Amino acid sequence: MSMAALSCSDSTETDNGARNDIDISDPAGAASKFLDEEIGELSSLNREEQEAELAWFTEAAKPFRGMEISVVSETIATHEYESKVLAPAFTAITGIRVTHDLIGEGDVVEKLQTQMQSNENIYDAYVNDSDLIGTHWRYQQVRNLTDWMAGEGSDVTSPGLDLADFIGTDFTTGPDKKLYQLPDQQFANLYWFRYDWFTDPKIKAEFKAQYGYDLGVPVNWSAYEDIAEFFTGREIDGKKVYGNMDYGKKDPSLGWRFTDAWMSMAGMGSVGEPNGLPVDEWGIRVNNKSQPVGSCVARGGATNSPAAVYAVAKYSKWLSDYAPPSAAGMTFSEAGPVPSQGAIAQQMFWYTTFTANMVGEEASAVLYEDGTPRWRMAPSPHGAYWEDGMKVGYQDAGAWTLMKSTPIKRAKAAWLYAQFVTSKTVDVKKAHVGLTFIRESTIQHESFTERAPKLGGLVEFYRSPARTQWSPTGTNVPDYPRLAQLWWQNIGDASSGTKTPQAALNALCEQQERVLSRLERSGLQGDLGPRLNEERDNAYWLNQPGSPKAKLANEKPKPVTIEYDKLIAAWQ
C-alpha cells in the first residue's frame, strides 16, 4: 500500500516500520484510500460490505481514540505485512496507535512467559502458537474469548467476525469447549520436492535401475532415504545437489522441528487425530482426565521410546549425510528459503510459510520463465513405527491471545486490532502476501483459483479434506514455555554428536518429568495439572497396546512411492 493513503504528515518510522505520526483526523477518508489502494477486489466482501466493516471499526474504536497499544508476533511475511501495512491503516481508520513488534518466535514465548510469571503487562496482545493451548487452558491466565465476546468484550466484537469461517478454531479451543485464541495465520509442514527432476525420464530410469522401484513422492521414510542418497552429490543443471534439507543449530527452533510432529510422523505417539491419545507427539501421556502422567517409558510416556530414538537417529543421519554442510549451523528461518536456490531435491519437513520465498524473483532457480514452479508440495512420508489413524503432520496456527493481566481498556483496543487484521475485508489480500490461510472464504476466493498453478499444490491442499489431518500440538502439554526449551537443548546434544539419541532422549524425558512433578506439587493447575504415574519396568509399558512401542526388528521396511499426479488427484 502507498503510505500516502494513510495521510502521514512526514516519513518518521519506528524500527518495525509502523508509523507513530499518522493523521487520525479523517477516518472515512483513510478507509476509502485504504480500500482503493491496498484491497481493491482482493477481498471476500464487496466494496459496500468492506466500507460497512471499516465503518464499524471506526465507530467501535471511538472510546479508545488516541490510545497507544503494543502487540507482538514472530517475524514471518504475514506479520511483516500486518506491522508495516495493516497497523498504520488501522491507526488511520480507528485513531488507535499500534506498535506491532516483530521478534523471533522463541522471544515471543519468552515475553509471554514473563508476563504470566510477573502478572505485569508487557504486550497488550500476543500472536502466539496454538501449541500453547494446553498451557492456556490449565493456567487460566488468558481471557477465554468465548466468555470475552459474550461479556466484557461484547461492545468491541465485530458482528462480521464470523468464527465459523475460520479453519483453525478447533486448534485454539480447550477441552472445556472455550475458544482461547483467534487464528491469525496458519501453515502446514509438508514434503517439498523438485517435480521437474522427479519426472525427468533419464533421472527416473537411473533411479529405477539403482533401487528397483519407481522414483516418486515417498510414502515412507525408507523411500525418502533412498531418494536422499540417490540425489546427493549429483550434478544437475550445473549445480551439485543434495537429497535432503534441514537445520541443526542448537537454537529454540530446533525444538519446534521435533515437537512440530516429527515424532508423530515417525510413529512415536498413539493413534488419534488431531492428536494421539493417550500419548501425544511430545511423548507425554495423559490419563482419562487429561492429566499428564509421564514422559519417560517407565511412566507410560514415549519421549525416550524406541520410536523416538529412531526418529532422532534418522534426522541426524540425513542431516549429516544428505544435506548441505551449512545446514547443521542453520535455524528454522535461515533454512526455509534454501530450496529456492536450486540445489535441493527434496525436503521432508518444509513449512509452507516459506511458499512466499518460493514464488518471488529470488526463487528464479526453481521457477519456469512463466512463473510456474519446478517444485511441488505433498504429504510428508511416515516412519517405520507409524500406523493408520495416526497424526500425519503438523500445522502451525499463530493466534491472537489476550492475557488477563492486560488492563481491560488496553485489551479491548488490542482486540479491535486483532479482528481488523483477520477481517474479511483484508484477509484475502493478506493471504496473497503471506500465503498463510485462516478463512474458508479466502481459500475459496477466485483469485486463488487463478493463482493455484503457481503455488505448487498449496491451494489444493487447503481446499482438500486432508488439511484437517495436519494439526498443532494438542492439550497434553501443560506448560509449553518451560517444556519447549528442554527440547532444543537435548536434541542439540544428539544432533551435534555430544550424546547418543538414546542418552539425549533419556535426559529430555527425565527433565520433562521434573517439570511435571513441580507442577503437581505446586497445585497451580488444580485438577487439570499433572498426576505422575509410579515408575514401572519399561517392558510393562512396551508390552501394552498402543504407545510406547517396542523396538522393531526392521526399522527400514520396503520403500513405497506414489506418482505425484495421482496423489494430487485425491486432494482435488
Protein backbone atom coordinates (compact mmCIF):
# COMPACT_ATOMS: atom_id res chain seq x y z
CA MET A 1 0.00 0.00 0.00
CA SER A 2 1.12 3.53 -0.68
CA MET A 3 1.85 5.24 2.64
CA ALA A 4 0.23 8.31 1.15
CA ALA A 5 -3.07 6.53 1.65
CA LEU A 6 -2.61 7.00 5.37
CA SER A 7 -2.22 10.77 5.16
CA CYS A 8 1.08 10.69 7.05
CA SER A 9 2.48 14.10 7.94
CA ASP A 10 6.13 13.03 7.50
CA SER A 11 8.27 9.95 6.97
CA THR A 12 9.31 9.08 10.53
CA GLU A 13 9.12 5.36 11.20
CA THR A 14 9.61 3.10 14.18
CA ASP A 15 12.13 0.25 13.97
CA ASN A 16 9.49 -2.21 12.77
CA GLY A 17 8.15 0.09 10.08
CA ALA A 18 4.97 1.22 11.86
CA ARG A 19 4.39 4.97 11.95
CA ASN A 20 3.51 6.87 15.11
CA ASP A 21 2.74 10.18 13.39
CA ILE A 22 -0.23 9.06 11.30
CA ASP A 23 -3.02 11.58 10.72
CA ILE A 24 -6.13 10.25 12.50
CA SER A 25 -8.37 13.21 11.70
CA ASP A 26 -10.20 11.69 8.72
CA PRO A 27 -11.14 8.02 9.37
CA ALA A 28 -13.61 7.81 6.49
CA GLY A 29 -11.12 9.22 4.02
CA ALA A 30 -8.39 6.91 5.29
CA ALA A 31 -10.71 3.91 4.95
CA SER A 32 -11.63 4.84 1.39
CA LYS A 33 -7.99 5.31 0.34
CA PHE A 34 -7.00 2.04 2.02
CA LEU A 35 -9.66 0.13 0.11
CA ASP A 36 -8.78 1.85 -3.16
CA GLU A 37 -5.02 1.49 -2.97
CA GLU A 38 -4.49 -1.70 -0.97
CA ILE A 39 -7.53 -4.00 -1.10
CA GLY A 40 -9.36 -3.46 -4.37
CA GLU A 41 -11.07 -6.70 -5.40
CA LEU A 42 -8.83 -8.88 -3.22
CA SER A 43 -11.46 -9.40 -0.55
CA SER A 44 -14.25 -11.87 0.08
CA LEU A 45 -16.51 -8.84 0.65
CA ASN A 46 -17.79 -6.45 -2.00
CA ARG A 47 -16.96 -2.75 -1.75
CA GLU A 48 -20.15 -1.83 0.09
CA GLU A 49 -19.56 -4.59 2.65
CA GLN A 50 -15.93 -3.54 3.06
CA GLU A 51 -16.93 0.04 3.76
CA ALA A 52 -19.53 -1.09 6.29
CA GLU A 53 -16.99 -3.28 8.10
CA LEU A 54 -14.41 -0.49 8.32
CA ALA A 55 -17.08 1.96 9.45
CA TRP A 56 -17.89 -0.42 12.30
CA PHE A 57 -14.23 -0.40 13.37
CA THR A 58 -14.18 3.41 13.32
CA GLU A 59 -17.31 3.61 15.46
CA ALA A 60 -16.31 0.87 17.93
CA ALA A 61 -12.91 2.48 18.42
CA LYS A 62 -14.21 5.91 19.45
CA PRO A 63 -13.70 5.34 23.21
CA PHE A 64 -10.07 4.43 22.50
CA ARG A 65 -9.03 7.14 20.03
CA GLY A 66 -5.58 8.48 20.80
CA MET A 67 -4.54 5.38 22.76
CA GLU A 68 -1.20 3.76 22.06
CA ILE A 69 -1.00 -0.01 22.29
CA SER A 70 1.68 -2.57 21.53
CA VAL A 71 1.32 -6.11 20.23
CA VAL A 72 3.85 -8.73 19.22
CA SER A 73 4.29 -11.64 16.81
CA GLU A 74 7.04 -13.71 15.25
CA THR A 75 8.80 -12.43 12.13
CA ILE A 76 7.23 -14.04 9.06
CA ALA A 77 5.89 -12.44 5.88
CA THR A 78 2.29 -12.41 7.13
CA HIS A 79 3.15 -10.45 10.25
CA GLU A 80 5.51 -8.14 8.40
CA TYR A 81 2.55 -7.17 6.24
CA GLU A 82 0.42 -6.58 9.32
CA SER A 83 3.10 -4.49 11.01
CA LYS A 84 4.10 -2.37 8.03
CA VAL A 85 0.80 -2.04 6.15
CA LEU A 86 -2.22 -3.04 8.23
CA ALA A 87 -1.16 -1.45 11.53
CA PRO A 88 -0.77 2.05 10.00
CA ALA A 89 -4.09 1.61 8.17
CA PHE A 90 -5.81 0.56 11.39
CA THR A 91 -4.41 3.63 13.16
CA ALA A 92 -5.67 5.98 10.46
CA ILE A 93 -9.13 4.35 10.45
CA THR A 94 -9.61 3.98 14.22
CA GLY A 95 -7.33 6.52 15.89
CA ILE A 96 -5.67 3.77 17.95
CA ARG A 97 -1.90 3.94 17.50
CA VAL A 98 -0.44 0.44 17.23
CA THR A 99 3.15 -0.66 17.55
CA HIS A 100 3.28 -4.19 16.14
CA ASP A 101 6.66 -5.63 17.14
CA LEU A 102 8.26 -8.45 15.14
CA ILE A 103 10.61 -10.73 17.08
CA GLY A 104 11.72 -14.36 16.99
CA GLU A 105 9.16 -16.99 17.92
CA GLY A 106 11.29 -18.09 20.86
CA ASP A 107 11.32 -14.49 22.08
CA VAL A 108 7.52 -14.29 21.78
CA VAL A 109 7.18 -17.31 24.06
CA GLU A 110 9.72 -15.81 26.49
CA LYS A 111 7.82 -12.49 26.69
CA LEU A 112 4.55 -14.35 27.20
CA GLN A 113 6.09 -16.49 29.92
CA THR A 114 7.46 -13.40 31.67
CA GLN A 115 4.03 -11.78 31.66
CA MET A 116 2.48 -14.96 33.04
CA GLN A 117 5.03 -15.13 35.86
CA SER A 118 5.13 -11.43 36.76
CA ASN A 119 1.50 -10.55 36.10
CA GLU A 120 2.78 -7.29 34.62
CA ASN A 121 1.52 -6.18 31.23
CA ILE A 122 4.31 -6.41 28.65
CA TYR A 123 2.20 -6.53 25.49
CA ASP A 124 -1.48 -5.83 25.01
CA ALA A 125 -1.90 -8.87 22.76
CA TYR A 126 0.26 -11.70 21.50
CA VAL A 127 0.18 -13.75 18.32
CA ASN A 128 1.41 -16.98 19.81
CA ASP A 129 1.13 -20.53 18.56
CA SER A 130 -1.90 -22.59 19.44
CA ASP A 131 0.68 -25.11 20.67
CA LEU A 132 0.17 -23.31 23.98
CA ILE A 133 -3.50 -24.33 24.20
CA GLY A 134 -2.77 -26.85 26.97
CA THR A 135 -0.90 -24.15 28.88
CA HIS A 136 -3.62 -21.53 28.49
CA TRP A 137 -6.41 -23.93 29.39
CA ARG A 138 -4.69 -25.18 32.54
CA TYR A 139 -3.28 -21.91 33.92
CA GLN A 140 -6.34 -19.80 33.04
CA GLN A 141 -4.16 -16.70 32.67
CA VAL A 142 -5.60 -15.73 29.28
CA ARG A 143 -9.05 -14.40 28.60
CA ASN A 144 -11.11 -17.19 27.08
CA LEU A 145 -12.59 -15.49 24.05
CA THR A 146 -15.93 -17.29 24.23
CA ASP A 147 -16.77 -15.56 27.51
CA TRP A 148 -14.96 -12.37 26.48
CA MET A 149 -17.02 -11.91 23.31
CA ALA A 150 -20.27 -12.53 25.20
CA GLY A 151 -19.29 -10.36 28.18
CA GLU A 152 -16.66 -7.68 28.72
CA GLY A 153 -15.59 -7.60 25.09
CA SER A 154 -19.04 -7.70 23.52
CA ASP A 155 -19.02 -3.98 22.65
CA VAL A 156 -15.78 -4.40 20.68
CA THR A 157 -16.59 -7.71 18.97
CA SER A 158 -17.36 -7.27 15.29
CA PRO A 159 -20.74 -8.52 14.02
CA GLY A 160 -18.83 -9.60 10.90
CA LEU A 161 -16.19 -11.67 12.72
CA ASP A 162 -17.82 -14.95 11.55
CA LEU A 163 -15.96 -17.50 13.66
CA ALA A 164 -17.40 -20.34 11.57
CA ASP A 165 -15.35 -19.06 8.61
CA PHE A 166 -12.05 -19.64 10.46
CA ILE A 167 -10.49 -23.01 9.66
CA GLY A 168 -8.34 -23.32 12.79
CA THR A 169 -10.61 -22.72 15.76
CA ASP A 170 -10.56 -26.42 16.67
CA PHE A 171 -6.87 -25.93 17.40
CA THR A 172 -7.48 -22.94 19.70
CA THR A 173 -10.36 -24.44 21.67
CA GLY A 174 -9.74 -26.15 25.01
CA PRO A 175 -11.30 -29.37 26.29
CA ASP A 176 -13.80 -27.11 28.08
CA LYS A 177 -15.08 -26.08 24.60
CA LYS A 178 -13.99 -22.48 25.16
CA LEU A 179 -12.11 -20.53 22.47
CA TYR A 180 -8.83 -19.24 23.90
CA GLN A 181 -7.16 -17.75 20.81
CA LEU A 182 -8.21 -16.26 17.46
CA PRO A 183 -6.23 -17.68 14.49
CA ASP A 184 -4.23 -15.08 12.58
CA GLN A 185 -2.10 -17.28 10.29
CA GLN A 186 -1.75 -20.99 9.57
CA PHE A 187 0.79 -23.03 7.70
CA ALA A 188 1.40 -26.74 7.38
CA ASN A 189 4.51 -28.85 7.40
CA LEU A 190 4.66 -30.72 4.10
CA TYR A 191 7.03 -32.58 1.81
CA TRP A 192 8.72 -30.38 -0.84
CA PHE A 193 10.42 -31.76 -3.95
CA ARG A 194 11.70 -30.90 -7.42
CA TYR A 195 8.88 -32.10 -9.63
CA ASP A 196 10.92 -31.40 -12.75
CA TRP A 197 13.70 -33.73 -11.61
CA PHE A 198 11.34 -36.42 -10.36
CA THR A 199 9.60 -36.53 -13.75
CA ASP A 200 12.74 -36.37 -15.88
CA PRO A 201 12.86 -39.65 -17.91
CA LYS A 202 16.65 -40.02 -17.63
CA ILE A 203 16.70 -39.44 -13.87
CA LYS A 204 13.74 -41.78 -13.39
CA ALA A 205 15.45 -44.53 -15.37
CA GLU A 206 18.68 -44.17 -13.38
CA PHE A 207 16.79 -44.35 -10.09
CA LYS A 208 14.84 -47.43 -11.14
CA ALA A 209 18.00 -49.16 -12.27
CA GLN A 210 19.70 -48.44 -8.96
CA TYR A 211 16.86 -49.10 -6.50
CA GLY A 212 14.44 -51.32 -8.37
CA TYR A 213 11.31 -49.20 -7.95
CA ASP A 214 9.88 -46.00 -9.43
CA LEU A 215 11.03 -42.56 -8.35
CA GLY A 216 8.07 -40.68 -6.93
CA VAL A 217 6.71 -38.99 -3.83
CA PRO A 218 7.95 -41.13 -0.91
CA VAL A 219 5.17 -42.64 1.18
CA ASN A 220 7.53 -43.87 3.88
CA TRP A 221 10.91 -42.91 5.33
CA SER A 222 12.59 -45.88 3.64
CA ALA A 223 11.87 -44.35 0.23
CA TYR A 224 12.82 -40.86 1.41
CA GLU A 225 16.21 -42.17 2.50
CA ASP A 226 16.84 -43.90 -0.83
CA ILE A 227 15.90 -40.74 -2.74
CA ALA A 228 18.14 -38.63 -0.49
CA GLU A 229 21.05 -40.96 -1.16
CA PHE A 230 20.37 -41.03 -4.90
CA PHE A 231 20.40 -37.26 -5.41
CA THR A 232 23.17 -36.27 -3.01
CA GLY A 233 26.37 -35.39 -4.86
CA ARG A 234 24.83 -35.48 -8.34
CA GLU A 235 25.31 -32.55 -10.71
CA ILE A 236 22.10 -31.22 -12.24
CA ASP A 237 21.85 -28.03 -14.29
CA GLY A 238 25.47 -27.29 -13.45
CA LYS A 239 24.97 -27.48 -9.68
CA LYS A 240 25.95 -30.04 -7.09
CA VAL A 241 22.68 -31.07 -5.47
CA TYR A 242 21.60 -32.56 -2.17
CA GLY A 243 18.90 -35.08 -1.39
CA ASN A 244 17.78 -33.55 1.89
CA MET A 245 17.44 -30.14 3.54
CA ASP A 246 17.04 -29.47 7.23
CA TYR A 247 18.54 -27.39 10.03
CA GLY A 248 20.51 -28.26 13.15
CA LYS A 249 21.68 -25.20 15.07
CA LYS A 250 21.26 -25.51 18.83
CA ASP A 251 18.54 -22.89 18.96
CA PRO A 252 14.86 -22.80 20.09
CA SER A 253 13.73 -23.53 16.54
CA LEU A 254 15.47 -26.92 16.71
CA GLY A 255 12.99 -27.88 19.41
CA TRP A 256 9.97 -26.93 17.28
CA ARG A 257 11.40 -29.04 14.49
CA PHE A 258 10.78 -32.08 16.70
CA THR A 259 7.71 -31.11 18.72
CA ASP A 260 6.12 -29.97 15.46
CA ALA A 261 5.15 -33.56 14.79
CA TRP A 262 8.44 -35.13 13.67
CA MET A 263 7.99 -37.71 16.39
CA SER A 264 4.40 -38.48 15.38
CA MET A 265 5.46 -38.74 11.73
CA ALA A 266 7.98 -41.35 12.87
CA GLY A 267 5.17 -43.19 14.67
CA MET A 268 6.05 -42.45 18.29
CA GLY A 269 2.63 -41.48 19.64
CA SER A 270 -0.81 -43.03 19.84
CA VAL A 271 -3.42 -43.41 17.15
CA GLY A 272 -5.81 -40.45 17.03
CA GLU A 273 -6.49 -37.18 15.24
CA PRO A 274 -5.93 -34.29 15.55
CA ASN A 275 -3.52 -35.58 18.24
CA GLY A 276 -2.77 -39.02 19.56
CA LEU A 277 -4.26 -40.06 22.90
CA PRO A 278 -3.21 -41.03 25.47
CA VAL A 279 0.35 -40.35 24.17
CA ASP A 280 0.96 -37.27 22.02
CA GLU A 281 3.81 -36.22 19.71
CA TRP A 282 5.82 -34.90 22.67
CA GLY A 283 5.73 -38.37 24.19
CA ILE A 284 3.62 -37.10 27.11
CA ARG A 285 0.95 -39.47 28.35
CA VAL A 286 -2.32 -38.29 29.93
CA ASN A 287 -4.99 -40.17 31.87
CA ASN A 288 -8.72 -40.10 31.16
CA LYS A 289 -8.97 -36.74 32.95
CA SER A 290 -6.38 -35.13 30.62
CA GLN A 291 -3.87 -35.02 33.49
CA PRO A 292 -0.26 -35.61 32.33
CA VAL A 293 1.07 -38.79 33.95
CA GLY A 294 4.52 -39.26 32.40
CA SER A 295 7.04 -38.64 29.63
CA CYS A 296 9.55 -41.49 30.07
CA VAL A 297 8.64 -45.05 29.08
CA ALA A 298 8.85 -46.05 32.75
CA ARG A 299 5.71 -43.98 33.40
CA GLY A 300 3.94 -44.86 30.16
CA GLY A 301 5.30 -41.97 28.11
CA ALA A 302 7.25 -42.30 24.86
CA THR A 303 9.77 -39.45 24.74
CA ASN A 304 12.66 -41.91 25.13
CA SER A 305 10.99 -44.87 23.44
CA PRO A 306 12.49 -46.89 20.56
CA ALA A 307 10.34 -44.96 18.07
CA ALA A 308 11.66 -41.64 19.41
CA VAL A 309 15.26 -42.87 19.23
CA TYR A 310 14.62 -43.98 15.64
CA ALA A 311 13.21 -40.53 14.80
CA VAL A 312 16.23 -38.66 16.16
CA ALA A 313 18.72 -41.10 14.64
CA LYS A 314 17.20 -40.75 11.16
CA TYR A 315 17.16 -36.97 11.41
CA SER A 316 20.81 -36.89 12.48
CA LYS A 317 21.96 -39.27 9.74
CA TRP A 318 20.09 -37.44 6.99
CA LEU A 319 21.35 -34.04 8.16
CA SER A 320 24.92 -35.34 8.23
CA ASP A 321 24.92 -37.42 5.04
CA TYR A 322 22.47 -35.81 2.62
CA ALA A 323 22.11 -32.08 3.43
CA PRO A 324 24.43 -29.18 2.59
CA PRO A 325 27.20 -28.88 5.22
CA SER A 326 25.92 -25.42 6.18
CA ALA A 327 22.52 -26.82 7.20
CA ALA A 328 23.87 -28.08 10.53
CA GLY A 329 24.50 -24.48 11.60
CA MET A 330 21.18 -23.06 10.42
CA THR A 331 17.97 -22.14 12.23
CA PHE A 332 14.36 -22.54 11.06
CA SER A 333 14.24 -19.11 9.38
CA GLU A 334 17.65 -19.46 7.73
CA ALA A 335 16.98 -22.92 6.31
CA GLY A 336 13.48 -22.27 4.99
CA PRO A 337 14.38 -20.37 1.80
CA VAL A 338 17.38 -22.59 0.87
CA PRO A 339 15.46 -24.91 -1.52
CA SER A 340 14.63 -21.84 -3.62
CA GLN A 341 18.33 -21.60 -4.54
CA GLY A 342 18.01 -24.66 -6.78
CA ALA A 343 20.32 -27.26 -5.22
CA ILE A 344 17.85 -29.26 -3.09
CA ALA A 345 15.99 -32.29 -4.45
CA GLN A 346 13.56 -32.81 -1.59
CA GLN A 347 12.75 -31.76 1.95
CA MET A 348 10.50 -33.87 4.14
CA PHE A 349 9.96 -31.24 6.79
CA TRP A 350 9.15 -27.99 4.98
CA TYR A 351 6.94 -25.28 6.45
CA THR A 352 4.57 -23.83 3.87
CA THR A 353 5.09 -20.36 5.36
CA PHE A 354 8.16 -20.34 3.09
CA THR A 355 5.98 -20.65 -0.02
CA ALA A 356 6.30 -16.89 -0.36
CA ASN A 357 10.06 -17.37 -0.72
CA MET A 358 9.48 -19.91 -3.49
CA VAL A 359 7.41 -17.73 -5.79
CA GLY A 360 9.28 -14.42 -5.94
CA GLU A 361 12.14 -13.13 -8.08
CA GLU A 362 14.70 -14.57 -5.67
CA ALA A 363 13.35 -18.06 -6.49
CA SER A 364 14.09 -17.93 -10.23
CA ALA A 365 16.22 -21.08 -9.93
CA VAL A 366 13.12 -23.12 -9.09
CA LEU A 367 10.62 -21.38 -11.40
CA TYR A 368 9.96 -21.59 -15.11
CA GLU A 369 10.01 -18.37 -17.13
CA ASP A 370 6.22 -18.05 -16.85
CA GLY A 371 6.44 -18.15 -13.04
CA THR A 372 5.07 -21.68 -12.63
CA PRO A 373 7.04 -23.81 -10.17
CA ARG A 374 9.52 -26.54 -10.94
CA TRP A 375 8.68 -27.86 -7.45
CA ARG A 376 5.61 -29.27 -5.71
CA MET A 377 4.46 -29.96 -2.17
CA ALA A 378 2.84 -33.18 -0.97
CA PRO A 379 2.12 -35.05 2.28
CA SER A 380 5.24 -35.93 4.23
CA PRO A 381 6.20 -39.62 4.36
CA HIS A 382 5.84 -41.54 7.61
CA GLY A 383 8.30 -43.61 9.61
CA ALA A 384 8.52 -47.29 10.40
CA TYR A 385 6.50 -47.03 13.64
CA TRP A 386 3.62 -45.10 12.07
CA GLU A 387 0.16 -46.72 11.91
CA ASP A 388 -3.04 -45.84 10.05
CA GLY A 389 -5.09 -43.32 12.01
CA MET A 390 -2.09 -41.51 13.46
CA LYS A 391 -1.38 -37.85 13.01
CA VAL A 392 0.41 -37.31 9.70
CA GLY A 393 1.88 -33.85 10.10
CA TYR A 394 1.98 -30.50 11.83
CA GLN A 395 0.02 -27.33 11.19
CA ASP A 396 1.04 -24.07 12.83
CA ALA A 397 -1.77 -21.81 13.97
CA GLY A 398 -0.45 -18.47 15.22
CA ALA A 399 -3.33 -16.90 17.10
CA TRP A 400 -4.26 -13.73 18.96
CA THR A 401 -4.12 -14.16 22.71
CA LEU A 402 -5.32 -11.68 25.36
CA MET A 403 -3.77 -12.03 28.82
CA LYS A 404 -5.92 -11.43 31.91
CA SER A 405 -3.07 -9.25 33.23
CA THR A 406 -3.69 -6.76 30.41
CA PRO A 407 -5.94 -3.89 31.59
CA ILE A 408 -9.40 -4.19 30.10
CA LYS A 409 -9.29 -0.96 28.10
CA ARG A 410 -5.98 -1.94 26.50
CA ALA A 411 -7.29 -5.46 25.86
CA LYS A 412 -10.35 -4.02 24.11
CA ALA A 413 -8.24 -1.80 21.84
CA ALA A 414 -5.94 -4.73 21.03
CA TRP A 415 -8.94 -6.98 20.33
CA LEU A 416 -10.12 -4.46 17.75
CA TYR A 417 -6.73 -4.63 16.05
CA ALA A 418 -6.72 -8.44 16.13
CA GLN A 419 -10.11 -8.51 14.42
CA PHE A 420 -9.05 -5.92 11.86
CA VAL A 421 -6.02 -7.87 10.65
CA THR A 422 -8.10 -11.08 10.41
CA SER A 423 -11.21 -9.42 8.96
CA LYS A 424 -12.87 -10.50 5.74
CA THR A 425 -12.08 -7.08 4.31
CA VAL A 426 -8.32 -7.62 4.47
CA ASP A 427 -7.80 -11.37 4.70
CA VAL A 428 -7.68 -12.29 1.00
CA LYS A 429 -5.01 -9.65 0.32
CA LYS A 430 -3.08 -10.64 3.44
CA ALA A 431 -3.18 -14.29 2.35
CA HIS A 432 -1.78 -13.40 -1.06
CA VAL A 433 1.18 -11.74 0.65
CA GLY A 434 1.92 -14.31 3.33
CA LEU A 435 0.20 -17.45 1.94
CA THR A 436 -0.94 -18.48 5.43
CA PHE A 437 -4.66 -19.24 5.21
CA ILE A 438 -7.10 -18.80 8.11
CA ARG A 439 -10.52 -18.35 6.46
CA GLU A 440 -12.53 -20.71 4.28
CA SER A 441 -13.88 -17.73 2.31
CA THR A 442 -10.30 -16.74 1.46
CA ILE A 443 -9.24 -20.25 0.42
CA GLN A 444 -12.21 -20.44 -1.94
CA HIS A 445 -11.71 -16.94 -3.39
CA GLU A 446 -11.47 -16.93 -7.18
CA SER A 447 -8.13 -15.14 -7.06
CA PHE A 448 -6.60 -18.26 -5.51
CA THR A 449 -8.17 -20.46 -8.17
CA GLU A 450 -6.29 -18.32 -10.69
CA ARG A 451 -3.05 -18.35 -8.71
CA ALA A 452 -3.09 -22.03 -7.71
CA PRO A 453 -0.94 -23.27 -10.65
CA LYS A 454 1.91 -21.08 -9.38
CA LEU A 455 1.72 -22.29 -5.78
CA GLY A 456 2.75 -25.91 -6.22
CA GLY A 457 -0.18 -27.64 -4.53
CA LEU A 458 -0.73 -25.25 -1.60
CA VAL A 459 -4.24 -24.23 -2.65
CA GLU A 460 -5.22 -27.80 -3.46
CA PHE A 461 -4.03 -28.88 -0.01
CA TYR A 462 -6.04 -26.23 1.82
CA ARG A 463 -9.13 -26.91 -0.26
CA SER A 464 -8.98 -30.63 0.47
CA PRO A 465 -10.39 -32.50 3.47
CA ALA A 466 -6.81 -33.73 4.07
CA ARG A 467 -5.83 -30.44 5.71
CA THR A 468 -7.62 -31.45 8.92
CA GLN A 469 -5.12 -34.31 9.41
CA TRP A 470 -2.33 -31.78 10.00
CA SER A 471 -2.59 -30.28 13.46
CA PRO A 472 -0.64 -28.31 16.09
CA THR A 473 0.44 -29.56 19.48
CA GLY A 474 -2.56 -30.76 21.48
CA THR A 475 -3.58 -30.31 25.09
CA ASN A 476 -1.26 -32.92 26.69
CA VAL A 477 1.48 -30.28 27.12
CA PRO A 478 0.75 -28.46 30.40
CA ASP A 479 3.46 -25.76 30.25
CA TYR A 480 4.76 -25.13 26.75
CA PRO A 481 7.30 -22.40 27.62
CA ARG A 482 9.05 -24.50 30.27
CA LEU A 483 8.96 -27.78 28.37
CA ALA A 484 9.81 -26.45 24.89
CA GLN A 485 13.19 -25.11 25.99
CA LEU A 486 14.21 -28.60 27.11
CA TRP A 487 13.79 -29.99 23.59
CA TRP A 488 16.26 -27.88 21.66
CA GLN A 489 18.93 -28.24 24.31
CA ASN A 490 18.72 -32.04 24.42
CA ILE A 491 18.11 -32.63 20.70
CA GLY A 492 21.07 -30.34 20.08
CA ASP A 493 23.23 -32.72 22.09
CA ALA A 494 22.14 -35.58 19.82
CA SER A 495 22.48 -33.69 16.53
CA SER A 496 25.97 -32.46 17.45
CA GLY A 497 27.11 -35.93 18.46
CA THR A 498 27.70 -34.92 22.10
CA LYS A 499 25.25 -37.62 23.17
CA THR A 500 23.67 -40.64 21.52
CA PRO A 501 19.99 -40.26 20.59
CA GLN A 502 19.04 -42.60 23.43
CA ALA A 503 21.07 -40.69 26.03
CA ALA A 504 19.72 -37.33 24.84
CA LEU A 505 16.12 -38.55 24.97
CA ASN A 506 16.60 -40.15 28.38
CA ALA A 507 17.76 -36.77 29.65
CA LEU A 508 14.89 -35.00 27.92
CA CYS A 509 12.13 -37.18 29.33
CA GLU A 510 13.61 -37.03 32.83
CA GLN A 511 13.76 -33.23 32.65
CA GLN A 512 10.19 -33.08 31.37
CA GLU A 513 9.06 -35.20 34.30
CA ARG A 514 10.84 -32.91 36.76
CA VAL A 515 8.75 -30.03 35.38
CA LEU A 516 5.58 -32.14 35.58
CA SER A 517 6.46 -33.11 39.14
CA ARG A 518 6.96 -29.48 40.18
CA LEU A 519 3.62 -28.55 38.63
CA GLU A 520 1.96 -31.41 40.50
CA ARG A 521 3.47 -30.34 43.84
CA SER A 522 2.60 -26.68 43.31
CA GLY A 523 -1.06 -27.32 42.63
CA LEU A 524 -1.10 -24.27 40.32
CA GLN A 525 -3.12 -26.09 37.68
CA GLY A 526 -5.59 -27.67 40.09
CA ASP A 527 -7.44 -30.72 38.87
CA LEU A 528 -6.10 -30.13 35.34
CA GLY A 529 -2.45 -30.48 36.35
CA PRO A 530 -0.10 -33.49 36.25
CA ARG A 531 -0.54 -36.65 38.34
CA LEU A 532 2.59 -38.69 37.65
CA ASN A 533 2.34 -42.48 37.38
CA GLU A 534 4.55 -44.65 39.53
CA GLU A 535 7.59 -45.92 37.62
CA ARG A 536 7.42 -49.49 36.33
CA ASP A 537 9.74 -51.67 34.33
CA ASN A 538 9.93 -50.44 30.70
CA ALA A 539 8.88 -53.89 29.49
CA TYR A 540 5.47 -53.46 31.13
CA TRP A 541 4.60 -50.39 29.08
CA LEU A 542 6.25 -51.61 25.87
CA ASN A 543 4.03 -54.69 26.01
CA GLN A 544 0.82 -52.68 26.41
CA PRO A 545 -1.31 -51.89 23.33
CA GLY A 546 -0.50 -48.65 21.53
CA SER A 547 2.27 -46.28 22.53
CA PRO A 548 5.03 -46.62 23.72
CA LYS A 549 6.06 -49.29 21.24
CA ALA A 550 8.75 -51.95 21.44
CA LYS A 551 11.73 -51.71 19.07
CA LEU A 552 11.06 -53.11 15.61
CA ALA A 553 13.30 -55.84 14.29
CA ASN A 554 13.36 -54.00 10.94
CA GLU A 555 13.29 -50.21 11.02
CA LYS A 556 13.61 -49.91 7.23
CA PRO A 557 10.60 -51.65 5.69
CA LYS A 558 10.05 -51.92 1.96
CA PRO A 559 10.22 -48.46 0.35
CA VAL A 560 6.99 -47.14 -1.19
CA THR A 561 6.50 -44.21 -3.57
CA ILE A 562 3.48 -42.77 -5.38
CA GLU A 563 3.18 -40.75 -8.56
CA TYR A 564 2.54 -37.12 -7.64
CA ASP A 565 -0.21 -36.55 -10.17
CA LYS A 566 -2.19 -39.49 -8.76
CA LEU A 567 -1.73 -38.18 -5.25
CA ILE A 568 -2.86 -34.65 -6.08
CA ALA A 569 -5.94 -36.03 -7.83
CA ALA A 570 -7.01 -37.44 -4.47
CA TRP A 571 -6.69 -33.96 -2.92
CA GLN A 572 -8.78 -32.44 -5.67
